[in-house]
């Protein structure tokens, strides 16, 4: 898969899940929301690394870490 396609899929996953969340169709604690953010963020990390956009890469690394924390937090409940 090309780096550009990864970036576009990542953006669709993150923006799409956010749109569903903000419209009340998908809770932020829902596993699909969290996994969309993990996968989308990971794809963004690859894309931004390739383009040497390190500040954006950093934001996406933090984004993925936050999403993983939510996964583990939800499993404890």
PDB file of N, CA and C in Angstrom:
ATOM      1  N   UNK A   1       0.867  -1.181   0.000  1.00  0.00           N
ATOM      2  CA  UNK A   1       0.000   0.000   0.000  1.00  0.00           C
ATOM      3  C   UNK A   1       0.903   1.230   0.000  1.00  0.00           C
ATOM      4  N   UNK A   2       0.559   2.220  -0.817  1.00  0.00           N
ATOM      5  CA  UNK A   2       1.396   3.410  -0.890  1.00  0.00           C
ATOM      6  C   UNK A   2       1.225   4.285   0.342  1.00  0.00           C
ATOM      7  N   UNK A   3       2.248   5.071   0.612  1.00  0.00           N
ATOM      8  CA  UNK A   3       2.238   5.962   1.766  1.00  0.00           C
ATOM      9  C   UNK A   3       1.105   6.983   1.653  1.00  0.00           C
ATOM     10  N   UNK A   4       0.815   7.442   0.455  1.00  0.00           N
ATOM     11  CA  UNK A   4      -0.272   8.408   0.276  1.00  0.00           C
ATOM     12  C   UNK A   4      -1.628   7.783   0.584  1.00  0.00           C
ATOM     13  N   UNK A   5      -1.834   6.568   0.136  1.00  0.00           N
ATOM     14  CA  UNK A   5      -3.097   5.878   0.419  1.00  0.00           C
ATOM     15  C   UNK A   5      -3.238   5.662   1.926  1.00  0.00           C
ATOM     16  N   UNK A   6      -2.132   5.301   2.592  1.00  0.00           N
ATOM     17  CA  UNK A   6      -2.166   5.141   4.054  1.00  0.00           C
ATOM     18  C   UNK A   6      -2.599   6.443   4.733  1.00  0.00           C
ATOM     19  N   UNK A   7      -2.050   7.560   4.263  1.00  0.00           N
ATOM     20  CA  UNK A   7      -2.419   8.859   4.834  1.00  0.00           C
ATOM     21  C   UNK A   7      -3.896   9.170   4.654  1.00  0.00           C
ATOM     22  N   UNK A   8      -4.416   8.887   3.471  1.00  0.00           N
ATOM     23  CA  UNK A   8      -5.834   9.159   3.209  1.00  0.00           C
ATOM     24  C   UNK A   8      -6.739   8.248   4.025  1.00  0.00           C
ATOM     25  N   UNK A   9      -6.385   6.980   4.136  1.00  0.00           N
ATOM     26  CA  UNK A   9      -7.192   6.060   4.941  1.00  0.00           C
ATOM     27  C   UNK A   9      -7.143   6.489   6.408  1.00  0.00           C
ATOM     28  N   UNK A  10      -5.959   6.865   6.877  1.00  0.00           N
ATOM     29  CA  UNK A  10      -5.828   7.346   8.253  1.00  0.00           C
ATOM     30  C   UNK A  10      -6.703   8.552   8.518  1.00  0.00           C
ATOM     31  N   UNK A  11      -6.700   9.491   7.573  1.00  0.00           N
ATOM     32  CA  UNK A  11      -7.512  10.695   7.761  1.00  0.00           C
ATOM     33  C   UNK A  11      -8.999  10.360   7.765  1.00  0.00           C
ATOM     34  N   UNK A  12      -9.422   9.454   6.895  1.00  0.00           N
ATOM     35  CA  UNK A  12     -10.835   9.057   6.870  1.00  0.00           C
ATOM     36  C   UNK A  12     -11.250   8.364   8.162  1.00  0.00           C
ATOM     37  N   UNK A  13     -10.381   7.523   8.701  1.00  0.00           N
ATOM     38  CA  UNK A  13     -10.706   6.837   9.952  1.00  0.00           C
ATOM     39  C   UNK A  13     -10.837   7.819  11.108  1.00  0.00           C
ATOM     40  N   UNK A  14      -9.888   8.733  11.227  1.00  0.00           N
ATOM     41  CA  UNK A  14      -9.910   9.672  12.356  1.00  0.00           C
ATOM     42  C   UNK A  14     -11.037  10.688  12.216  1.00  0.00           C
ATOM     43  N   UNK A  15     -11.146  11.309  11.062  1.00  0.00           N
ATOM     44  CA  UNK A  15     -12.196  12.321  10.867  1.00  0.00           C
ATOM     45  C   UNK A  15     -13.582  11.669  10.861  1.00  0.00           C
ATOM     46  N   UNK A  16     -13.682  10.496  10.251  1.00  0.00           N
ATOM     47  CA  UNK A  16     -14.964   9.796  10.224  1.00  0.00           C
ATOM     48  C   UNK A  16     -15.438   9.397  11.613  1.00  0.00           C
ATOM     49  N   UNK A  17     -14.530   8.854  12.418  1.00  0.00           N
ATOM     50  CA  UNK A  17     -14.924   8.466  13.773  1.00  0.00           C
ATOM     51  C   UNK A  17     -15.245   9.697  14.620  1.00  0.00           C
ATOM     52  N   UNK A  18     -14.519  10.770  14.409  1.00  0.00           N
ATOM     53  CA  UNK A  18     -14.819  12.012  15.127  1.00  0.00           C
ATOM     54  C   UNK A  18     -16.201  12.546  14.737  1.00  0.00           C
ATOM     55  N   UNK A  19     -16.510  12.516  13.447  1.00  0.00           N
ATOM     56  CA  UNK A  19     -17.817  12.988  12.977  1.00  0.00           C
ATOM     57  C   UNK A  19     -18.940  12.145  13.585  1.00  0.00           C
ATOM     58  N   UNK A  20     -18.743  10.833  13.624  1.00  0.00           N
ATOM     59  CA  UNK A  20     -19.750   9.965  14.236  1.00  0.00           C
ATOM     60  C   UNK A  20     -19.883  10.236  15.730  1.00  0.00           C
ATOM     61  N   UNK A  21     -18.772  10.543  16.374  1.00  0.00           N
ATOM     62  CA  UNK A  21     -18.801  10.845  17.798  1.00  0.00           C
ATOM     63  C   UNK A  21     -19.520  12.153  18.082  1.00  0.00           C
ATOM     64  N   UNK A  22     -19.178  13.171  17.362  1.00  0.00           N
ATOM     65  CA  UNK A  22     -19.743  14.503  17.627  1.00  0.00           C
ATOM     66  C   UNK A  22     -21.232  14.577  17.281  1.00  0.00           C
ATOM     67  N   UNK A  23     -21.686  13.705  16.385  1.00  0.00           N
ATOM     68  CA  UNK A  23     -23.108  13.670  16.045  1.00  0.00           C
ATOM     69  C   UNK A  23     -23.887  12.701  16.936  1.00  0.00           C
ATOM     70  N   UNK A  24     -23.193  12.089  17.913  1.00  0.00           N
ATOM     71  CA  UNK A  24     -23.852  11.210  18.864  1.00  0.00           C
ATOM     72  C   UNK A  24     -24.093   9.799  18.373  1.00  0.00           C
ATOM     73  N   UNK A  25     -23.479   9.412  17.273  1.00  0.00           N
ATOM     74  CA  UNK A  25     -23.696   8.083  16.718  1.00  0.00           C
ATOM     75  C   UNK A  25     -22.664   7.057  17.186  1.00  0.00           C
ATOM     76  N   UNK A  26     -21.590   7.545  17.822  1.00  0.00           N
ATOM     77  CA  UNK A  26     -20.532   6.652  18.280  1.00  0.00           C
ATOM     78  C   UNK A  26     -19.888   7.259  19.520  1.00  0.00           C
ATOM     79  N   UNK A  27     -19.982   6.558  20.628  1.00  0.00           N
ATOM     80  CA  UNK A  27     -19.410   7.049  21.886  1.00  0.00           C
ATOM     81  C   UNK A  27     -17.884   6.998  21.836  1.00  0.00           C
ATOM     82  N   UNK A  28     -17.242   7.921  22.527  1.00  0.00           N
ATOM     83  CA  UNK A  28     -15.779   7.967  22.574  1.00  0.00           C
ATOM     84  C   UNK A  28     -15.206   6.732  23.261  1.00  0.00           C
ATOM     85  N   UNK A  29     -15.991   6.074  24.083  1.00  0.00           N
ATOM     86  CA  UNK A  29     -15.528   4.869  24.765  1.00  0.00           C
ATOM     87  C   UNK A  29     -15.808   3.593  23.969  1.00  0.00           C
ATOM     88  N   UNK A  30     -16.488   3.723  22.833  1.00  0.00           N
ATOM     89  CA  UNK A  30     -16.797   2.576  21.989  1.00  0.00           C
ATOM     90  C   UNK A  30     -15.505   2.021  21.386  1.00  0.00           C
ATOM     91  N   UNK A  31     -15.375   0.690  21.386  1.00  0.00           N
ATOM     92  CA  UNK A  31     -14.133   0.094  20.882  1.00  0.00           C
ATOM     93  C   UNK A  31     -13.887   0.429  19.413  1.00  0.00           C
ATOM     94  N   UNK A  32     -14.919   0.604  18.606  1.00  0.00           N
ATOM     95  CA  UNK A  32     -14.728   0.937  17.188  1.00  0.00           C
ATOM     96  C   UNK A  32     -14.142   2.343  17.034  1.00  0.00           C
ATOM     97  N   UNK A  33     -14.589   3.252  17.871  1.00  0.00           N
ATOM     98  CA  UNK A  33     -14.052   4.621  17.856  1.00  0.00           C
ATOM     99  C   UNK A  33     -12.569   4.606  18.221  1.00  0.00           C
ATOM    100  N   UNK A  34     -12.249   3.884  19.270  1.00  0.00           N
ATOM    101  CA  UNK A  34     -10.864   3.845  19.741  1.00  0.00           C
ATOM    102  C   UNK A  34      -9.965   3.160  18.715  1.00  0.00           C
ATOM    103  N   UNK A  35     -10.412   2.031  18.168  1.00  0.00           N
ATOM    104  CA  UNK A  35      -9.591   1.328  17.178  1.00  0.00           C
ATOM    105  C   UNK A  35      -9.445   2.129  15.886  1.00  0.00           C
ATOM    106  N   UNK A  36     -10.472   2.866  15.488  1.00  0.00           N
ATOM    107  CA  UNK A  36     -10.346   3.733  14.306  1.00  0.00           C
ATOM    108  C   UNK A  36      -9.264   4.776  14.539  1.00  0.00           C
ATOM    109  N   UNK A  37      -9.187   5.296  15.761  1.00  0.00           N
ATOM    110  CA  UNK A  37      -8.157   6.278  16.095  1.00  0.00           C
ATOM    111  C   UNK A  37      -6.770   5.644  16.163  1.00  0.00           C
ATOM    112  N   UNK A  38      -6.666   4.442  16.674  1.00  0.00           N
ATOM    113  CA  UNK A  38      -5.369   3.756  16.722  1.00  0.00           C
ATOM    114  C   UNK A  38      -4.862   3.465  15.312  1.00  0.00           C
ATOM    115  N   UNK A  39      -5.711   2.866  14.495  1.00  0.00           N
ATOM    116  CA  UNK A  39      -5.293   2.509  13.139  1.00  0.00           C
ATOM    117  C   UNK A  39      -5.045   3.762  12.306  1.00  0.00           C
ATOM    118  N   UNK A  40      -5.967   4.725  12.386  1.00  0.00           N
ATOM    119  CA  UNK A  40      -5.790   5.975  11.645  1.00  0.00           C
ATOM    120  C   UNK A  40      -4.539   6.715  12.068  1.00  0.00           C
ATOM    121  N   UNK A  41      -4.288   6.782  13.376  1.00  0.00           N
ATOM    122  CA  UNK A  41      -3.092   7.452  13.876  1.00  0.00           C
ATOM    123  C   UNK A  41      -1.829   6.751  13.429  1.00  0.00           C
ATOM    124  N   UNK A  42      -1.831   5.421  13.461  1.00  0.00           N
ATOM    125  CA  UNK A  42      -0.668   4.656  13.021  1.00  0.00           C
ATOM    126  C   UNK A  42      -0.377   4.906  11.539  1.00  0.00           C
ATOM    127  N   UNK A  43      -1.435   4.932  10.725  1.00  0.00           N
ATOM    128  CA  UNK A  43      -1.242   5.206   9.296  1.00  0.00           C
ATOM    129  C   UNK A  43      -0.713   6.629   9.074  1.00  0.00           C
ATOM    130  N   UNK A  44      -1.191   7.574   9.886  1.00  0.00           N
ATOM    131  CA  UNK A  44      -0.663   8.945   9.825  1.00  0.00           C
ATOM    132  C   UNK A  44       0.810   8.993  10.228  1.00  0.00           C
ATOM    133  N   UNK A  45       1.194   8.202  11.213  1.00  0.00           N
ATOM    134  CA  UNK A  45       2.595   8.170  11.642  1.00  0.00           C
ATOM    135  C   UNK A  45       3.484   7.740  10.480  1.00  0.00           C
ATOM    136  N   UNK A  46       3.078   6.711   9.774  1.00  0.00           N
ATOM    137  CA  UNK A  46       3.851   6.245   8.618  1.00  0.00           C
ATOM    138  C   UNK A  46       3.934   7.339   7.558  1.00  0.00           C
ATOM    139  N   UNK A  47       2.788   7.950   7.252  1.00  0.00           N
ATOM    140  CA  UNK A  47       2.733   8.993   6.227  1.00  0.00           C
ATOM    141  C   UNK A  47       3.587  10.203   6.599  1.00  0.00           C
ATOM    142  N   UNK A  48       3.464  10.673   7.831  1.00  0.00           N
ATOM    143  CA  UNK A  48       4.209  11.867   8.229  1.00  0.00           C
ATOM    144  C   UNK A  48       5.703  11.587   8.362  1.00  0.00           C
ATOM    145  N   UNK A  49       6.064  10.377   8.754  1.00  0.00           N
ATOM    146  CA  UNK A  49       7.483  10.012   8.794  1.00  0.00           C
ATOM    147  C   UNK A  49       8.070  10.059   7.382  1.00  0.00           C
ATOM    148  N   UNK A  50       7.344   9.487   6.438  1.00  0.00           N
ATOM    149  CA  UNK A  50       7.797   9.472   5.049  1.00  0.00           C
ATOM    150  C   UNK A  50       8.007  10.890   4.522  1.00  0.00           C
ATOM    151  N   UNK A  51       7.115  11.803   4.900  1.00  0.00           N
ATOM    152  CA  UNK A  51       7.195  13.190   4.438  1.00  0.00           C
ATOM    153  C   UNK A  51       8.045  14.075   5.352  1.00  0.00           C
ATOM    154  N   UNK A  52       8.670  13.460   6.342  1.00  0.00           N
ATOM    155  CA  UNK A  52       9.518  14.164   7.313  1.00  0.00           C
ATOM    156  C   UNK A  52       8.767  15.309   8.002  1.00  0.00           C
ATOM    157  N   UNK A  53       7.493  15.078   8.275  1.00  0.00           N
ATOM    158  CA  UNK A  53       6.658  16.047   8.989  1.00  0.00           C
ATOM    159  C   UNK A  53       6.642  15.633  10.461  1.00  0.00           C
ATOM    160  N   UNK A  54       7.775  15.840  11.112  1.00  0.00           N
ATOM    161  CA  UNK A  54       7.975  15.313  12.462  1.00  0.00           C
ATOM    162  C   UNK A  54       7.048  15.897  13.521  1.00  0.00           C
ATOM    163  N   UNK A  55       6.686  17.179  13.467  1.00  0.00           N
ATOM    164  CA  UNK A  55       5.713  17.665  14.461  1.00  0.00           C
ATOM    165  C   UNK A  55       4.365  16.939  14.345  1.00  0.00           C
ATOM    166  N   UNK A  56       3.905  16.723  13.125  1.00  0.00           N
ATOM    167  CA  UNK A  56       2.650  15.982  12.924  1.00  0.00           C
ATOM    168  C   UNK A  56       2.807  14.529  13.347  1.00  0.00           C
ATOM    169  N   UNK A  57       3.981  13.968  13.093  1.00  0.00           N
ATOM    170  CA  UNK A  57       4.236  12.597  13.506  1.00  0.00           C
ATOM    171  C   UNK A  57       4.158  12.493  15.027  1.00  0.00           C
ATOM    172  N   UNK A  58       4.726  13.469  15.727  1.00  0.00           N
ATOM    173  CA  UNK A  58       4.684  13.478  17.181  1.00  0.00           C
ATOM    174  C   UNK A  58       3.238  13.515  17.687  1.00  0.00           C
ATOM    175  N   UNK A  59       2.425  14.389  17.103  1.00  0.00           N
ATOM    176  CA  UNK A  59       1.013  14.498  17.508  1.00  0.00           C
ATOM    177  C   UNK A  59       0.312  13.155  17.329  1.00  0.00           C
ATOM    178  N   UNK A  60       0.584  12.483  16.241  1.00  0.00           N
ATOM    179  CA  UNK A  60      -0.077  11.206  15.983  1.00  0.00           C
ATOM    180  C   UNK A  60       0.432  10.091  16.877  1.00  0.00           C
ATOM    181  N   UNK A  61       1.685  10.148  17.272  1.00  0.00           N
ATOM    182  CA  UNK A  61       2.191   9.171  18.245  1.00  0.00           C
ATOM    183  C   UNK A  61       1.450   9.345  19.568  1.00  0.00           C
ATOM    184  N   UNK A  62       1.298  10.592  20.001  1.00  0.00           N
ATOM    185  CA  UNK A  62       0.562  10.868  21.233  1.00  0.00           C
ATOM    186  C   UNK A  62      -0.892  10.427  21.084  1.00  0.00           C
ATOM    187  N   UNK A  63      -1.493  10.692  19.921  1.00  0.00           N
ATOM    188  CA  UNK A  63      -2.885  10.306  19.627  1.00  0.00           C
ATOM    189  C   UNK A  63      -3.067   8.796  19.807  1.00  0.00           C
ATOM    190  N   UNK A  64      -2.131   8.022  19.259  1.00  0.00           N
ATOM    191  CA  UNK A  64      -2.213   6.563  19.341  1.00  0.00           C
ATOM    192  C   UNK A  64      -2.016   6.097  20.787  1.00  0.00           C
ATOM    193  N   UNK A  65      -1.092   6.710  21.503  1.00  0.00           N
ATOM    194  CA  UNK A  65      -0.876   6.343  22.908  1.00  0.00           C
ATOM    195  C   UNK A  65      -2.145   6.588  23.718  1.00  0.00           C
ATOM    196  N   UNK A  66      -2.780   7.735  23.513  1.00  0.00           N
ATOM    197  CA  UNK A  66      -4.028   8.043  24.222  1.00  0.00           C
ATOM    198  C   UNK A  66      -5.097   6.996  23.898  1.00  0.00           C
ATOM    199  N   UNK A  67      -5.200   6.613  22.648  1.00  0.00           N
ATOM    200  CA  UNK A  67      -6.193   5.608  22.251  1.00  0.00           C
ATOM    201  C   UNK A  67      -5.892   4.259  22.897  1.00  0.00           C
ATOM    202  N   UNK A  68      -4.610   3.868  22.964  1.00  0.00           N
ATOM    203  CA  UNK A  68      -4.249   2.615  23.629  1.00  0.00           C
ATOM    204  C   UNK A  68      -4.584   2.669  25.116  1.00  0.00           C
ATOM    205  N   UNK A  69      -4.360   3.804  25.748  1.00  0.00           N
ATOM    206  CA  UNK A  69      -4.720   3.962  27.162  1.00  0.00           C
ATOM    207  C   UNK A  69      -6.213   3.723  27.336  1.00  0.00           C
ATOM    208  N   UNK A  70      -7.026   4.255  26.424  1.00  0.00           N
ATOM    209  CA  UNK A  70      -8.481   4.051  26.492  1.00  0.00           C
ATOM    210  C   UNK A  70      -8.850   2.570  26.359  1.00  0.00           C
ATOM    211  N   UNK A  71      -8.151   1.849  25.485  1.00  0.00           N
ATOM    212  CA  UNK A  71      -8.413   0.411  25.314  1.00  0.00           C
ATOM    213  C   UNK A  71      -8.175  -0.313  26.642  1.00  0.00           C
ATOM    214  N   UNK A  72      -7.029  -0.052  27.267  1.00  0.00           N
ATOM    215  CA  UNK A  72      -6.711  -0.732  28.518  1.00  0.00           C
ATOM    216  C   UNK A  72      -7.622  -0.282  29.653  1.00  0.00           C
ATOM    217  N   UNK A  73      -7.999   0.985  29.646  1.00  0.00           N
ATOM    218  CA  UNK A  73      -8.911   1.510  30.663  1.00  0.00           C
ATOM    219  C   UNK A  73     -10.280   0.832  30.556  1.00  0.00           C
ATOM    220  N   UNK A  74     -10.758   0.655  29.328  1.00  0.00           N
ATOM    221  CA  UNK A  74     -12.052   0.008  29.107  1.00  0.00           C
ATOM    222  C   UNK A  74     -12.014  -1.472  29.464  1.00  0.00           C
ATOM    223  N   UNK A  75     -10.869  -2.134  29.275  1.00  0.00           N
ATOM    224  CA  UNK A  75     -10.766  -3.553  29.603  1.00  0.00           C
ATOM    225  C   UNK A  75     -10.821  -3.791  31.103  1.00  0.00           C
ATOM    226  N   UNK A  76     -10.368  -2.811  31.876  1.00  0.00           N
ATOM    227  CA  UNK A  76     -10.383  -2.949  33.332  1.00  0.00           C
ATOM    228  C   UNK A  76     -11.797  -2.882  33.885  1.00  0.00           C
ATOM    229  N   UNK A  77     -12.703  -2.226  33.183  1.00  0.00           N
ATOM    230  CA  UNK A  77     -14.074  -2.049  33.674  1.00  0.00           C
ATOM    231  C   UNK A  77     -14.903  -3.271  33.523  1.00  0.00           C
TER     232      UNK A  77
END
